[in-house]
């Protein structure tokens, strides 16, 4: 649920980590920067990130926290299709 852990798992082979705790910033400056985030690791707040062994996707979700408003943080519902890697 919390993208903060992505930095901590950088040496583990975890194929996919899903998160959504940041609400895409909820209030952003044109979707480029979120001044207030409910997470510590502000490097990962929306979208797709990769490191040597893992992939993280953070959805902006559809909810809010107080105040119940979104500004340049469009809500989203994501469909992820998993495919088996060929050996």
N, C-alpha and C. Protein backbone atom coordinates (compact mmCIF):
# COMPACT_ATOMS: atom_id res chain seq x y z
N UNK A 1 0.82 -1.20 0.00
CA UNK A 1 0.00 0.00 0.00
C UNK A 1 0.86 1.25 0.00
N UNK A 2 2.07 1.17 0.53
CA UNK A 2 2.89 2.35 0.69
C UNK A 2 4.16 2.24 -0.17
N UNK A 3 4.35 3.17 -1.05
CA UNK A 3 5.49 3.13 -1.97
C UNK A 3 6.83 3.39 -1.29
N UNK A 4 6.84 3.81 -0.04
CA UNK A 4 8.10 4.04 0.67
C UNK A 4 9.00 2.82 0.67
N UNK A 5 8.43 1.63 0.65
CA UNK A 5 9.21 0.40 0.76
C UNK A 5 9.97 0.05 -0.53
N UNK A 6 9.69 0.70 -1.63
CA UNK A 6 10.36 0.36 -2.88
C UNK A 6 11.88 0.55 -2.77
N UNK A 7 12.32 1.56 -2.08
CA UNK A 7 13.77 1.78 -1.88
C UNK A 7 14.38 0.68 -1.03
N UNK A 8 13.60 0.14 -0.10
CA UNK A 8 14.11 -0.89 0.81
C UNK A 8 14.20 -2.26 0.16
N UNK A 9 13.46 -2.51 -0.92
CA UNK A 9 13.48 -3.83 -1.56
C UNK A 9 14.36 -3.86 -2.80
N UNK A 10 15.20 -2.86 -2.98
CA UNK A 10 15.97 -2.73 -4.22
C UNK A 10 16.89 -3.91 -4.51
N UNK A 11 17.26 -4.69 -3.50
CA UNK A 11 18.14 -5.84 -3.71
C UNK A 11 17.40 -7.17 -3.71
N UNK A 12 16.08 -7.14 -3.69
CA UNK A 12 15.27 -8.35 -3.70
C UNK A 12 14.61 -8.51 -5.06
N UNK A 13 14.47 -9.74 -5.50
CA UNK A 13 13.84 -9.99 -6.80
C UNK A 13 12.32 -10.09 -6.61
N UNK A 14 11.68 -8.93 -6.66
CA UNK A 14 10.23 -8.84 -6.55
C UNK A 14 9.75 -8.31 -7.89
N UNK A 15 9.00 -9.14 -8.61
CA UNK A 15 8.62 -8.79 -9.98
C UNK A 15 7.78 -7.52 -10.06
N UNK A 16 6.78 -7.40 -9.19
CA UNK A 16 5.86 -6.27 -9.29
C UNK A 16 5.37 -5.86 -7.92
N UNK A 17 5.49 -4.57 -7.63
CA UNK A 17 4.96 -4.00 -6.39
C UNK A 17 3.89 -2.98 -6.80
N UNK A 18 2.73 -3.08 -6.19
CA UNK A 18 1.63 -2.15 -6.48
C UNK A 18 1.38 -1.29 -5.25
N UNK A 19 1.10 -0.02 -5.49
CA UNK A 19 0.87 0.90 -4.39
C UNK A 19 -0.15 1.94 -4.82
N UNK A 20 -0.74 2.62 -3.86
CA UNK A 20 -1.71 3.65 -4.19
C UNK A 20 -1.92 4.64 -3.08
N UNK A 21 -1.06 4.63 -2.09
CA UNK A 21 -1.25 5.42 -0.88
C UNK A 21 -1.12 6.93 -1.10
N UNK A 22 -0.47 7.36 -2.17
CA UNK A 22 -0.19 8.79 -2.34
C UNK A 22 -1.32 9.57 -3.01
N UNK A 23 -2.32 8.91 -3.55
CA UNK A 23 -3.43 9.56 -4.26
C UNK A 23 -2.93 10.45 -5.41
N UNK A 24 -1.75 10.15 -5.92
CA UNK A 24 -1.19 10.96 -7.00
C UNK A 24 -0.87 12.38 -6.58
N UNK A 25 -0.69 12.56 -5.28
CA UNK A 25 -0.42 13.89 -4.75
C UNK A 25 -1.68 14.61 -4.32
N UNK A 26 -2.81 14.23 -4.91
CA UNK A 26 -4.13 14.81 -4.65
C UNK A 26 -4.21 16.28 -5.03
N UNK A 27 -3.25 17.08 -4.60
CA UNK A 27 -3.15 18.48 -5.02
C UNK A 27 -1.74 18.65 -5.57
N UNK A 28 -1.63 18.93 -6.87
CA UNK A 28 -0.31 19.06 -7.50
C UNK A 28 -0.21 20.36 -8.28
N UNK A 29 0.99 20.68 -8.65
CA UNK A 29 1.22 21.82 -9.54
C UNK A 29 1.31 21.27 -10.95
N UNK A 30 0.20 21.29 -11.64
CA UNK A 30 0.06 20.83 -13.01
C UNK A 30 0.49 19.36 -13.20
N UNK A 31 0.36 18.55 -12.14
CA UNK A 31 0.69 17.14 -12.21
C UNK A 31 2.17 16.84 -12.20
N UNK A 32 3.00 17.86 -12.04
CA UNK A 32 4.45 17.68 -12.08
C UNK A 32 5.10 17.58 -10.70
N UNK A 33 4.49 18.17 -9.71
CA UNK A 33 5.07 18.18 -8.37
C UNK A 33 3.95 18.22 -7.35
N UNK A 34 4.09 17.39 -6.33
CA UNK A 34 3.08 17.34 -5.27
C UNK A 34 3.70 17.87 -3.98
N UNK A 35 3.27 19.04 -3.52
CA UNK A 35 3.88 19.64 -2.33
C UNK A 35 3.58 18.90 -1.03
N UNK A 36 2.45 18.21 -0.96
CA UNK A 36 2.07 17.49 0.26
C UNK A 36 1.74 16.06 -0.11
N UNK A 37 2.48 15.11 0.49
CA UNK A 37 2.24 13.69 0.23
C UNK A 37 2.13 12.94 1.55
N UNK A 38 1.25 11.91 1.62
CA UNK A 38 1.11 11.14 2.86
C UNK A 38 2.15 10.02 2.97
N UNK A 39 3.30 10.19 2.31
CA UNK A 39 4.37 9.19 2.34
C UNK A 39 5.68 9.90 2.62
N UNK A 40 6.68 9.15 3.08
CA UNK A 40 7.98 9.74 3.38
C UNK A 40 8.85 9.85 2.14
N UNK A 41 8.87 8.81 1.31
CA UNK A 41 9.73 8.74 0.13
C UNK A 41 9.03 9.47 -1.02
N UNK A 42 9.21 10.75 -1.14
CA UNK A 42 8.48 11.54 -2.12
C UNK A 42 8.99 11.35 -3.55
N UNK A 43 10.03 10.55 -3.72
CA UNK A 43 10.52 10.25 -5.06
C UNK A 43 9.51 9.41 -5.85
N UNK A 44 8.76 8.57 -5.15
CA UNK A 44 7.79 7.67 -5.78
C UNK A 44 6.38 8.07 -5.37
N UNK A 45 5.67 8.81 -6.22
CA UNK A 45 4.34 9.24 -5.82
C UNK A 45 3.25 8.96 -6.84
N UNK A 46 3.61 8.64 -8.10
CA UNK A 46 2.62 8.19 -9.07
C UNK A 46 3.35 7.60 -10.27
N UNK A 47 2.72 6.66 -10.94
CA UNK A 47 3.27 6.13 -12.17
C UNK A 47 4.14 4.89 -12.01
N UNK A 48 4.98 4.65 -13.01
CA UNK A 48 5.79 3.44 -13.12
C UNK A 48 7.25 3.74 -12.80
N UNK A 49 7.84 2.90 -11.96
CA UNK A 49 9.24 3.02 -11.58
C UNK A 49 9.89 1.64 -11.67
N UNK A 50 11.16 1.60 -12.04
CA UNK A 50 11.88 0.34 -12.13
C UNK A 50 13.25 0.49 -11.48
N UNK A 51 13.71 -0.62 -10.87
CA UNK A 51 15.09 -0.68 -10.43
C UNK A 51 15.68 -1.97 -11.00
N UNK A 52 16.82 -2.40 -10.55
CA UNK A 52 17.49 -3.56 -11.12
C UNK A 52 16.62 -4.81 -11.11
N UNK A 53 15.91 -5.05 -10.03
CA UNK A 53 15.17 -6.30 -9.87
C UNK A 53 13.65 -6.17 -9.85
N UNK A 54 13.12 -4.99 -9.68
CA UNK A 54 11.69 -4.84 -9.42
C UNK A 54 11.05 -3.73 -10.25
N UNK A 55 9.73 -3.79 -10.29
CA UNK A 55 8.92 -2.77 -10.93
C UNK A 55 7.86 -2.32 -9.93
N UNK A 56 7.64 -1.03 -9.83
CA UNK A 56 6.63 -0.46 -8.94
C UNK A 56 5.64 0.34 -9.79
N UNK A 57 4.35 0.12 -9.55
CA UNK A 57 3.34 0.99 -10.16
C UNK A 57 2.50 1.59 -9.05
N UNK A 58 2.38 2.92 -9.08
CA UNK A 58 1.57 3.64 -8.09
C UNK A 58 0.40 4.26 -8.81
N UNK A 59 -0.78 3.79 -8.50
CA UNK A 59 -1.98 4.36 -9.08
C UNK A 59 -2.41 5.59 -8.29
N UNK A 60 -3.01 6.54 -8.95
CA UNK A 60 -3.53 7.71 -8.25
C UNK A 60 -4.85 7.40 -7.57
N UNK A 61 -5.44 6.26 -7.91
CA UNK A 61 -6.67 5.83 -7.26
C UNK A 61 -7.85 6.73 -7.56
N UNK A 62 -8.91 6.53 -6.80
CA UNK A 62 -10.11 7.35 -7.01
C UNK A 62 -10.52 8.11 -5.76
N UNK A 63 -9.85 7.86 -4.65
CA UNK A 63 -10.24 8.48 -3.39
C UNK A 63 -9.47 9.75 -3.08
N UNK A 64 -9.76 10.28 -1.92
CA UNK A 64 -9.07 11.47 -1.42
C UNK A 64 -8.88 11.31 0.08
N UNK A 65 -8.09 12.21 0.66
CA UNK A 65 -8.06 12.37 2.10
C UNK A 65 -8.49 13.79 2.37
N UNK A 66 -8.51 14.21 3.59
CA UNK A 66 -8.98 15.54 3.93
C UNK A 66 -7.99 16.58 3.47
N UNK A 67 -8.38 17.61 2.77
CA UNK A 67 -9.72 17.90 2.29
C UNK A 67 -10.08 17.04 1.08
N UNK A 68 -11.36 16.76 0.88
CA UNK A 68 -11.78 15.89 -0.22
C UNK A 68 -11.78 16.62 -1.57
N UNK A 69 -10.59 16.91 -2.08
CA UNK A 69 -10.46 17.65 -3.33
C UNK A 69 -9.25 17.10 -4.09
N UNK A 70 -9.29 17.20 -5.41
CA UNK A 70 -8.15 16.87 -6.26
C UNK A 70 -7.87 18.06 -7.17
N UNK A 71 -6.61 18.37 -7.34
CA UNK A 71 -6.21 19.48 -8.21
C UNK A 71 -5.04 19.00 -9.06
N UNK A 72 -5.27 18.85 -10.36
CA UNK A 72 -4.28 18.30 -11.30
C UNK A 72 -3.76 16.94 -10.85
N UNK A 73 -4.62 16.15 -10.22
CA UNK A 73 -4.29 14.79 -9.82
C UNK A 73 -5.48 13.91 -10.22
N UNK A 74 -5.57 13.62 -11.49
CA UNK A 74 -6.73 12.90 -12.01
C UNK A 74 -6.86 11.53 -11.37
N UNK A 75 -8.07 11.14 -10.99
CA UNK A 75 -8.28 9.79 -10.46
C UNK A 75 -8.13 8.77 -11.58
N UNK A 76 -7.76 7.54 -11.22
CA UNK A 76 -7.63 6.50 -12.23
C UNK A 76 -7.94 5.13 -11.65
N UNK A 77 -8.45 4.28 -12.50
CA UNK A 77 -8.61 2.86 -12.21
C UNK A 77 -7.72 2.15 -13.22
N UNK A 78 -6.82 1.32 -12.73
CA UNK A 78 -5.81 0.68 -13.56
C UNK A 78 -6.14 -0.80 -13.76
N UNK A 79 -5.99 -1.25 -15.00
CA UNK A 79 -6.11 -2.68 -15.30
C UNK A 79 -4.71 -3.18 -15.63
N UNK A 80 -4.26 -4.18 -14.89
CA UNK A 80 -2.94 -4.76 -15.12
C UNK A 80 -3.13 -6.19 -15.59
N UNK A 81 -2.55 -6.50 -16.73
CA UNK A 81 -2.64 -7.85 -17.29
C UNK A 81 -1.28 -8.52 -17.08
N UNK A 82 -1.30 -9.61 -16.34
CA UNK A 82 -0.06 -10.33 -16.06
C UNK A 82 0.16 -11.40 -17.12
N UNK A 83 1.39 -11.49 -17.58
CA UNK A 83 1.76 -12.49 -18.58
C UNK A 83 2.96 -13.26 -18.08
N UNK A 84 2.97 -14.56 -18.36
CA UNK A 84 4.09 -15.41 -17.97
C UNK A 84 5.29 -15.10 -18.86
N UNK A 85 6.46 -14.98 -18.25
CA UNK A 85 7.69 -14.78 -19.01
C UNK A 85 8.08 -16.08 -19.67
N UNK A 86 8.54 -16.04 -20.91
CA UNK A 86 9.05 -17.27 -21.53
C UNK A 86 10.38 -17.64 -20.88
N UNK A 87 10.60 -18.92 -20.70
CA UNK A 87 11.84 -19.37 -20.05
C UNK A 87 12.95 -19.55 -21.00
